[in-house]
Every structure is written in structure tokens, then in C-alpha cells.
Amino acid sequence: MTTLTITVFMGFFAMMNPIANTAVFVGMTANQTPQQRRKTIFKALTTTFFIITTFCLLGKGIVEVFGITLPALRLSGGILVFIVGYHMLQGQSSKLHSHSTTASSEDDEDIAISPLALPILAGPGTIATAMNYSASGGIIHIMVTIITFAVLCLITCICFLNGAKLVEKVGADGISITTRLMGLILTIIGTQMFIQGMNDAYVLFQHTNAST
């Protein structure tokens, strides 16, 4: 259980990268008042938590409805996570977790929902990670995934609230180093998910051939 919790936390932490996203948040909300900024934080993190929780709870249902096997989920999720990690390892922002438009302070709600909640915080990689961990076990895995993500949302909230001070202390070099370290962790996690998916696929095909 401890190993599972640590693995899930590190996977989410590397994917969401609160420190690097704090710099993004500060830049996006530079023209907002402290009250508007707090409102944006609450709305963005609430939306993010709701999205990830939904995929955690409905993960198995989605898998069954669309006839998706767990090996396929792990293989595709591993590739997706690896791509995001690879871009971060190169010091770049993956297109899966970035935005192309700059919103003004008049669009506080739009900023909170998109692009902050989607796709920066709850991007495809984060969703794939949540589904991979929650769909691979029973209710325990689902609860661990949801609770762990809630803790990460709290950490992200603290980082965002102290965003200006944090960016000033860490600096551009610190953010760059953190982004690359998180990218390395993500590539390792993505590779592990892919290897596990290959192993599960082999076992599945062996079982299918034995049954026929």
C-alpha cells in the first residue's frame, strides 16, 4: 500500500509539476487582484479534481463499455506519459499540457477552466495516469488514487497562493531544473507502464490461446 501510494503520488506530481505550473499561473494571472487570483485557483483546482475523480470512478466502466483491455490502456498511457516526460526533459512544454492563447484578467473563469484546468493541470497524461492506477485494482486502488490526487491539489494550491514569492526564490534556472527532473521521472514511469502493458498483453494472449 505504501509503495502504491508513493508511486501514484510521484506519477501525479511529475505530470502536474506544481512548481513549473506555478510560474505559468503567475504569468497568466499577472493582471488579477489577489481576490481574483484566489477565485481562479479555487475554480481551477476544483474543476481539475472533479475531472480526475470522474475518470478514476468511471475508469473501469469506460474500459468495459469501449472494450478496452488493461494492457492497451497501460501501453497507450505509457506512450502518452513518456511523450510528455520527453518534452519536459528537453526543457520544453509539451503540447499536451500547454495553451496557445493568452487570456486577460476579464476572462477569469475562462482562465480557470481552460487552459489552467484543461489541459495544463488535468491534461491527457494526467487522465491516463489516473485511469491506469485506478482501473488496475479494486476500490482500494481507486480511493488511494483519489486521495493522493487530492493531496497533490492541496500542494498545488499552496504553491499557487505563494506563486510570486516561490518563482522569485526558485528563479528561472530552478524552474528549468525542476522541469527536467520531473521529465526524467515521467519518462521512467511511462516506460514502466509500457513494459507492464507488454507483459500483460503477452499474458492475455497466452490465456486466450490456451482457452481456444
C-alpha atoms as a PDB file:
ATOM      1  CA  MET A   1       0.000   0.000   0.000  1.00  0.00           C
ATOM      2  CA  THR A   2       2.837   2.378   0.850  1.00  0.00           C
ATOM      3  CA  THR A   3       4.589   1.582  -2.427  1.00  0.00           C
ATOM      4  CA  LEU A   4       1.356   2.122  -4.355  1.00  0.00           C
ATOM      5  CA  THR A   5       0.712   5.465  -2.659  1.00  0.00           C
ATOM      6  CA  ILE A   6       4.250   6.718  -3.322  1.00  0.00           C
ATOM      7  CA  THR A   7       4.123   5.551  -6.950  1.00  0.00           C
ATOM      8  CA  VAL A   8       0.772   7.219  -7.596  1.00  0.00           C
ATOM      9  CA  PHE A   9       1.881  10.435  -5.882  1.00  0.00           C
ATOM     10  CA  MET A  10       5.150  10.641  -7.829  1.00  0.00           C
ATOM     11  CA  GLY A  11       3.322   9.926 -11.076  1.00  0.00           C
ATOM     12  CA  PHE A  12       0.811  12.718 -10.484  1.00  0.00           C
ATOM     13  CA  PHE A  13       3.438  15.092  -9.087  1.00  0.00           C
ATOM     14  CA  ALA A  14       5.697  14.661 -12.094  1.00  0.00           C
ATOM     15  CA  MET A  15       2.784  15.011 -14.507  1.00  0.00           C
ATOM     16  CA  MET A  16       1.262  18.143 -12.924  1.00  0.00           C
ATOM     17  CA  ASN A  17       4.634  19.620 -11.888  1.00  0.00           C
ATOM     18  CA  PRO A  18       3.257  22.189  -9.376  1.00  0.00           C
ATOM     19  CA  ILE A  19       6.470  24.235  -9.258  1.00  0.00           C
ATOM     20  CA  ALA A  20       6.729  24.738 -13.024  1.00  0.00           C
ATOM     21  CA  ASN A  21       2.969  25.301 -13.331  1.00  0.00           C
ATOM     22  CA  THR A  22       3.220  27.958 -10.624  1.00  0.00           C
ATOM     23  CA  ALA A  23       5.308  30.053 -12.997  1.00  0.00           C
ATOM     24  CA  VAL A  24       2.662  29.543 -15.688  1.00  0.00           C
ATOM     25  CA  PHE A  25      -0.076  30.513 -13.248  1.00  0.00           C
ATOM     26  CA  VAL A  26       1.728  33.660 -12.129  1.00  0.00           C
ATOM     27  CA  GLY A  27       2.192  34.742 -15.728  1.00  0.00           C
ATOM     28  CA  MET A  28      -1.442  34.077 -16.639  1.00  0.00           C
ATOM     29  CA  THR A  29      -2.843  35.939 -13.624  1.00  0.00           C
ATOM     30  CA  ALA A  30      -0.368  38.818 -13.528  1.00  0.00           C
ATOM     31  CA  ASN A  31      -3.117  41.392 -14.044  1.00  0.00           C
ATOM     32  CA  GLN A  32      -5.519  39.926 -11.500  1.00  0.00           C
ATOM     33  CA  THR A  33      -6.101  41.207  -7.981  1.00  0.00           C
ATOM     34  CA  PRO A  34      -5.314  38.857  -5.051  1.00  0.00           C
ATOM     35  CA  GLN A  35      -9.051  38.169  -4.652  1.00  0.00           C
ATOM     36  CA  GLN A  36      -9.458  37.327  -8.329  1.00  0.00           C
ATOM     37  CA  ARG A  37      -6.357  35.126  -8.190  1.00  0.00           C
ATOM     38  CA  ARG A  38      -7.728  33.136  -5.239  1.00  0.00           C
ATOM     39  CA  LYS A  39     -11.029  32.689  -7.066  1.00  0.00           C
ATOM     40  CA  THR A  40      -9.171  31.422 -10.137  1.00  0.00           C
ATOM     41  CA  ILE A  41      -7.134  28.984  -8.022  1.00  0.00           C
ATOM     42  CA  PHE A  42     -10.209  27.548  -6.311  1.00  0.00           C
ATOM     43  CA  LYS A  43     -12.170  27.158  -9.540  1.00  0.00           C
ATOM     44  CA  ALA A  44      -9.267  25.645 -11.474  1.00  0.00           C
ATOM     45  CA  LEU A  45      -8.315  23.087  -8.810  1.00  0.00           C
ATOM     46  CA  THR A  46     -11.935  22.168  -8.086  1.00  0.00           C
ATOM     47  CA  THR A  47     -12.510  21.538 -11.786  1.00  0.00           C
ATOM     48  CA  THR A  48      -9.270  19.561 -12.054  1.00  0.00           C
ATOM     49  CA  PHE A  49     -10.135  17.381  -9.051  1.00  0.00           C
ATOM     50  CA  PHE A  50     -13.648  16.737 -10.393  1.00  0.00           C
ATOM     51  CA  ILE A  51     -12.302  15.688 -13.805  1.00  0.00           C
ATOM     52  CA  ILE A  52      -9.682  13.299 -12.425  1.00  0.00           C
ATOM     53  CA  THR A  53     -12.096  11.852  -9.829  1.00  0.00           C
ATOM     54  CA  THR A  54     -14.651  11.183 -12.578  1.00  0.00           C
ATOM     55  CA  PHE A  55     -12.120   9.262 -14.637  1.00  0.00           C
ATOM     56  CA  CYS A  56     -10.966   7.362 -11.540  1.00  0.00           C
ATOM     57  CA  LEU A  57     -14.515   6.278 -10.679  1.00  0.00           C
ATOM     58  CA  LEU A  58     -15.604   5.577 -14.260  1.00  0.00           C
ATOM     59  CA  GLY A  59     -12.275   4.184 -15.421  1.00  0.00           C
ATOM     60  CA  LYS A  60     -13.365   0.547 -15.355  1.00  0.00           C
ATOM     61  CA  GLY A  61     -16.760   1.422 -16.825  1.00  0.00           C
ATOM     62  CA  ILE A  62     -15.121   3.250 -19.722  1.00  0.00           C
ATOM     63  CA  VAL A  63     -12.808   0.279 -20.240  1.00  0.00           C
ATOM     64  CA  GLU A  64     -15.731  -2.162 -20.322  1.00  0.00           C
ATOM     65  CA  VAL A  65     -18.064  -0.050 -22.481  1.00  0.00           C
ATOM     66  CA  PHE A  66     -15.471   0.501 -25.212  1.00  0.00           C
ATOM     67  CA  GLY A  67     -13.990  -2.984 -24.870  1.00  0.00           C
ATOM     68  CA  ILE A  68     -10.586  -1.632 -23.906  1.00  0.00           C
ATOM     69  CA  THR A  69      -8.208  -4.101 -22.312  1.00  0.00           C
ATOM     70  CA  LEU A  70      -5.986  -3.117 -19.405  1.00  0.00           C
ATOM     71  CA  PRO A  71      -2.810  -3.887 -21.398  1.00  0.00           C
ATOM     72  CA  ALA A  72      -3.984  -1.489 -24.140  1.00  0.00           C
ATOM     73  CA  LEU A  73      -4.647   1.203 -21.538  1.00  0.00           C
ATOM     74  CA  ARG A  74      -1.223   0.736 -19.987  1.00  0.00           C
ATOM     75  CA  LEU A  75       0.556   0.683 -23.349  1.00  0.00           C
ATOM     76  CA  SER A  76      -1.158   3.818 -24.678  1.00  0.00           C
ATOM     77  CA  GLY A  77      -0.925   5.541 -21.290  1.00  0.00           C
ATOM     78  CA  GLY A  78       2.758   4.692 -21.072  1.00  0.00           C
ATOM     79  CA  ILE A  79       3.434   6.150 -24.517  1.00  0.00           C
ATOM     80  CA  LEU A  80       1.453   9.290 -23.667  1.00  0.00           C
ATOM     81  CA  VAL A  81       3.222   9.810 -20.340  1.00  0.00           C
ATOM     82  CA  PHE A  82       6.601   9.150 -21.979  1.00  0.00           C
ATOM     83  CA  ILE A  83       5.965  11.799 -24.665  1.00  0.00           C
ATOM     84  CA  VAL A  84       5.070  14.430 -22.060  1.00  0.00           C
ATOM     85  CA  GLY A  85       8.131  13.494 -19.990  1.00  0.00           C
ATOM     86  CA  TYR A  86      10.391  13.587 -23.036  1.00  0.00           C
ATOM     87  CA  HIS A  87       9.346  17.135 -23.907  1.00  0.00           C
ATOM     88  CA  MET A  88       9.876  18.216 -20.292  1.00  0.00           C
ATOM     89  CA  LEU A  89      13.275  16.511 -20.236  1.00  0.00           C
ATOM     90  CA  GLN A  90      14.264  18.663 -23.205  1.00  0.00           C
ATOM     91  CA  GLY A  91      13.219  21.757 -21.270  1.00  0.00           C
ATOM     92  CA  GLN A  92      10.135  22.212 -23.441  1.00  0.00           C
ATOM     93  CA  SER A  93       6.449  22.418 -22.594  1.00  0.00           C
ATOM     94  CA  SER A  94       4.538  19.522 -24.120  1.00  0.00           C
ATOM     95  CA  LYS A  95       1.655  20.479 -26.388  1.00  0.00           C
ATOM     96  CA  LEU A  96      -0.466  18.069 -24.348  1.00  0.00           C
ATOM     97  CA  HIS A  97      -0.050  20.317 -21.295  1.00  0.00           C
ATOM     98  CA  SER A  98       0.162  23.789 -22.764  1.00  0.00           C
ATOM     99  CA  HIS A  99      -2.060  26.546 -24.064  1.00  0.00           C
ATOM    100  CA  SER A 100      -1.871  28.639 -27.199  1.00  0.00           C
ATOM    101  CA  THR A 101      -3.859  31.700 -26.234  1.00  0.00           C
ATOM    102  CA  THR A 102      -3.288  34.364 -23.610  1.00  0.00           C
ATOM    103  CA  ALA A 103      -6.340  35.387 -21.643  1.00  0.00           C
ATOM    104  CA  SER A 104      -6.898  38.724 -19.935  1.00  0.00           C
ATOM    105  CA  SER A 105      -7.986  39.368 -16.383  1.00  0.00           C
ATOM    106  CA  GLU A 106     -11.520  39.898 -17.643  1.00  0.00           C
ATOM    107  CA  ASP A 107     -11.679  36.213 -18.521  1.00  0.00           C
ATOM    108  CA  ASP A 108     -11.031  34.856 -15.021  1.00  0.00           C
ATOM    109  CA  GLU A 109     -13.490  31.988 -15.326  1.00  0.00           C
ATOM    110  CA  ASP A 110     -12.212  31.027 -18.778  1.00  0.00           C
ATOM    111  CA  ILE A 111      -8.645  31.000 -17.483  1.00  0.00           C
ATOM    112  CA  ALA A 112      -9.618  28.757 -14.561  1.00  0.00           C
ATOM    113  CA  ILE A 113     -11.393  26.198 -16.752  1.00  0.00           C
ATOM    114  CA  SER A 114      -9.259  26.499 -19.858  1.00  0.00           C
ATOM    115  CA  PRO A 115      -6.340  26.461 -20.224  1.00  0.00           C
ATOM    116  CA  LEU A 116      -5.494  26.168 -16.494  1.00  0.00           C
ATOM    117  CA  ALA A 117      -7.660  23.177 -15.537  1.00  0.00           C
ATOM    118  CA  LEU A 118      -7.679  21.781 -19.061  1.00  0.00           C
ATOM    119  CA  PRO A 119      -5.166  20.953 -20.392  1.00  0.00           C
ATOM    120  CA  ILE A 120      -2.431  22.286 -18.082  1.00  0.00           C
ATOM    121  CA  LEU A 121      -3.424  20.567 -14.819  1.00  0.00           C
ATOM    122  CA  ALA A 122      -5.792  17.804 -15.969  1.00  0.00           C
ATOM    123  CA  GLY A 123      -4.242  17.056 -19.339  1.00  0.00           C
ATOM    124  CA  PRO A 124      -4.405  13.759 -21.250  1.00  0.00           C
ATOM    125  CA  GLY A 125      -1.309  12.486 -19.480  1.00  0.00           C
ATOM    126  CA  THR A 126      -2.794  13.131 -16.028  1.00  0.00           C
ATOM    127  CA  ILE A 127      -6.071  11.480 -17.052  1.00  0.00           C
ATOM    128  CA  ALA A 128      -4.235   8.450 -18.473  1.00  0.00           C
ATOM    129  CA  THR A 129      -2.210   8.162 -15.270  1.00  0.00           C
ATOM    130  CA  ALA A 130      -5.360   8.295 -13.136  1.00  0.00           C
ATOM    131  CA  MET A 131      -7.151   5.666 -15.227  1.00  0.00           C
ATOM    132  CA  ASN A 132      -4.100   3.403 -15.257  1.00  0.00           C
ATOM    133  CA  TYR A 133      -3.751   3.342 -11.470  1.00  0.00           C
ATOM    134  CA  SER A 134      -7.477   3.241 -10.632  1.00  0.00           C
ATOM    135  CA  ALA A 135      -8.517   0.674 -13.250  1.00  0.00           C
ATOM    136  CA  SER A 136      -5.725  -1.746 -12.369  1.00  0.00           C
ATOM    137  CA  GLY A 137      -7.220  -2.707  -8.994  1.00  0.00           C
ATOM    138  CA  GLY A 138     -10.308  -2.615  -6.823  1.00  0.00           C
ATOM    139  CA  ILE A 139     -11.854   0.065  -4.637  1.00  0.00           C
ATOM    140  CA  ILE A 140      -8.606   0.408  -2.671  1.00  0.00           C
ATOM    141  CA  HIS A 141      -6.693   1.494  -5.769  1.00  0.00           C
ATOM    142  CA  ILE A 142      -9.442   3.957  -6.675  1.00  0.00           C
ATOM    143  CA  MET A 143      -9.514   5.509  -3.192  1.00  0.00           C
ATOM    144  CA  VAL A 144      -5.710   5.725  -2.991  1.00  0.00           C
ATOM    145  CA  THR A 145      -5.611   7.431  -6.397  1.00  0.00           C
ATOM    146  CA  ILE A 146      -8.324   9.953  -5.496  1.00  0.00           C
ATOM    147  CA  ILE A 147      -6.910  10.763  -2.044  1.00  0.00           C
ATOM    148  CA  THR A 148      -3.384  11.082  -3.402  1.00  0.00           C
ATOM    149  CA  PHE A 149      -4.560  13.423  -6.131  1.00  0.00           C
ATOM    150  CA  ALA A 150      -6.455  15.487  -3.545  1.00  0.00           C
ATOM    151  CA  VAL A 151      -3.216  15.909  -1.565  1.00  0.00           C
ATOM    152  CA  LEU A 152      -1.439  16.986  -4.745  1.00  0.00           C
ATOM    153  CA  CYS A 153      -4.194  19.522  -5.471  1.00  0.00           C
ATOM    154  CA  LEU A 154      -3.655  20.931  -1.966  1.00  0.00           C
ATOM    155  CA  ILE A 155       0.089  21.203  -2.607  1.00  0.00           C
ATOM    156  CA  THR A 156      -0.607  22.912  -5.938  1.00  0.00           C
ATOM    157  CA  CYS A 157      -2.990  25.314  -4.205  1.00  0.00           C
ATOM    158  CA  ILE A 158      -0.300  26.300  -1.688  1.00  0.00           C
ATOM    159  CA  CYS A 159       2.219  26.808  -4.499  1.00  0.00           C
ATOM    160  CA  PHE A 160      -0.215  28.965  -6.470  1.00  0.00           C
ATOM    161  CA  LEU A 161      -1.137  31.081  -3.442  1.00  0.00           C
ATOM    162  CA  ASN A 162       2.551  31.757  -2.843  1.00  0.00           C
ATOM    163  CA  GLY A 163       3.338  31.815  -6.540  1.00  0.00           C
ATOM    164  CA  ALA A 164       5.014  35.201  -6.820  1.00  0.00           C
ATOM    165  CA  LYS A 165       7.335  34.540  -3.850  1.00  0.00           C
ATOM    166  CA  LEU A 166       8.089  30.977  -4.996  1.00  0.00           C
ATOM    167  CA  VAL A 167       9.045  31.993  -8.544  1.00  0.00           C
ATOM    168  CA  GLU A 168      11.223  34.794  -7.192  1.00  0.00           C
ATOM    169  CA  LYS A 169      13.105  32.439  -4.842  1.00  0.00           C
ATOM    170  CA  VAL A 170      13.451  29.464  -7.199  1.00  0.00           C
ATOM    171  CA  GLY A 171      14.284  31.565 -10.241  1.00  0.00           C
ATOM    172  CA  ALA A 172      14.254  30.636 -13.903  1.00  0.00           C
ATOM    173  CA  ASP A 173      17.156  28.176 -13.503  1.00  0.00           C
ATOM    174  CA  GLY A 174      15.444  26.416 -10.609  1.00  0.00           C
ATOM    175  CA  ILE A 175      12.220  26.024 -12.577  1.00  0.00           C
ATOM    176  CA  SER A 176      14.168  24.704 -15.579  1.00  0.00           C
ATOM    177  CA  ILE A 177      15.996  22.128 -13.443  1.00  0.00           C
ATOM    178  CA  THR A 178      12.751  21.047 -11.740  1.00  0.00           C
ATOM    179  CA  THR A 179      11.015  20.670 -15.099  1.00  0.00           C
ATOM    180  CA  ARG A 180      13.814  18.423 -16.394  1.00  0.00           C
ATOM    181  CA  LEU A 181      13.826  16.303 -13.234  1.00  0.00           C
ATOM    182  CA  MET A 182      10.061  15.849 -13.449  1.00  0.00           C
ATOM    183  CA  GLY A 183      10.501  14.969 -17.121  1.00  0.00           C
ATOM    184  CA  LEU A 184      13.030  12.272 -16.230  1.00  0.00           C
ATOM    185  CA  ILE A 185      10.654  10.787 -13.665  1.00  0.00           C
ATOM    186  CA  LEU A 186       7.811  10.844 -16.186  1.00  0.00           C
ATOM    187  CA  THR A 187       9.826   9.078 -18.878  1.00  0.00           C
ATOM    188  CA  ILE A 188      10.745   6.350 -16.380  1.00  0.00           C
ATOM    189  CA  ILE A 189       7.125   5.974 -15.243  1.00  0.00           C
ATOM    190  CA  GLY A 190       5.937   5.927 -18.871  1.00  0.00           C
ATOM    191  CA  THR A 191       8.490   3.249 -19.746  1.00  0.00           C
ATOM    192  CA  GLN A 192       7.457   1.180 -16.715  1.00  0.00           C
ATOM    193  CA  MET A 193       3.786   1.457 -17.717  1.00  0.00           C
ATOM    194  CA  PHE A 194       4.674   0.370 -21.267  1.00  0.00           C
ATOM    195  CA  ILE A 195       6.734  -2.625 -20.066  1.00  0.00           C
ATOM    196  CA  GLN A 196       3.921  -3.671 -17.719  1.00  0.00           C
ATOM    197  CA  GLY A 197       1.464  -3.323 -20.606  1.00  0.00           C
ATOM    198  CA  MET A 198       3.631  -5.528 -22.843  1.00  0.00           C
ATOM    199  CA  ASN A 199       3.834  -8.165 -20.118  1.00  0.00           C
ATOM    200  CA  ASP A 200       0.068  -8.026 -19.503  1.00  0.00           C
ATOM    201  CA  ALA A 201      -0.601  -8.262 -23.245  1.00  0.00           C
ATOM    202  CA  TYR A 202       1.604 -11.353 -23.505  1.00  0.00           C
ATOM    203  CA  VAL A 203      -0.188 -12.997 -20.567  1.00  0.00           C
ATOM    204  CA  LEU A 204      -3.586 -12.065 -22.064  1.00  0.00           C
ATOM    205  CA  PHE A 205      -2.762 -13.577 -25.445  1.00  0.00           C
ATOM    206  CA  GLN A 206      -1.346 -16.682 -23.814  1.00  0.00           C
ATOM    207  CA  HIS A 207      -4.541 -17.075 -21.807  1.00  0.00           C
ATOM    208  CA  THR A 208      -6.706 -16.506 -24.900  1.00  0.00           C
ATOM    209  CA  ASN A 209      -4.780 -19.096 -26.928  1.00  0.00           C
ATOM    210  CA  ALA A 210      -4.974 -21.585 -24.073  1.00  0.00           C
ATOM    211  CA  SER A 211      -8.743 -21.087 -23.820  1.00  0.00           C
ATOM    212  CA  THR A 212      -9.256 -21.691 -27.541  1.00  0.00           C
END
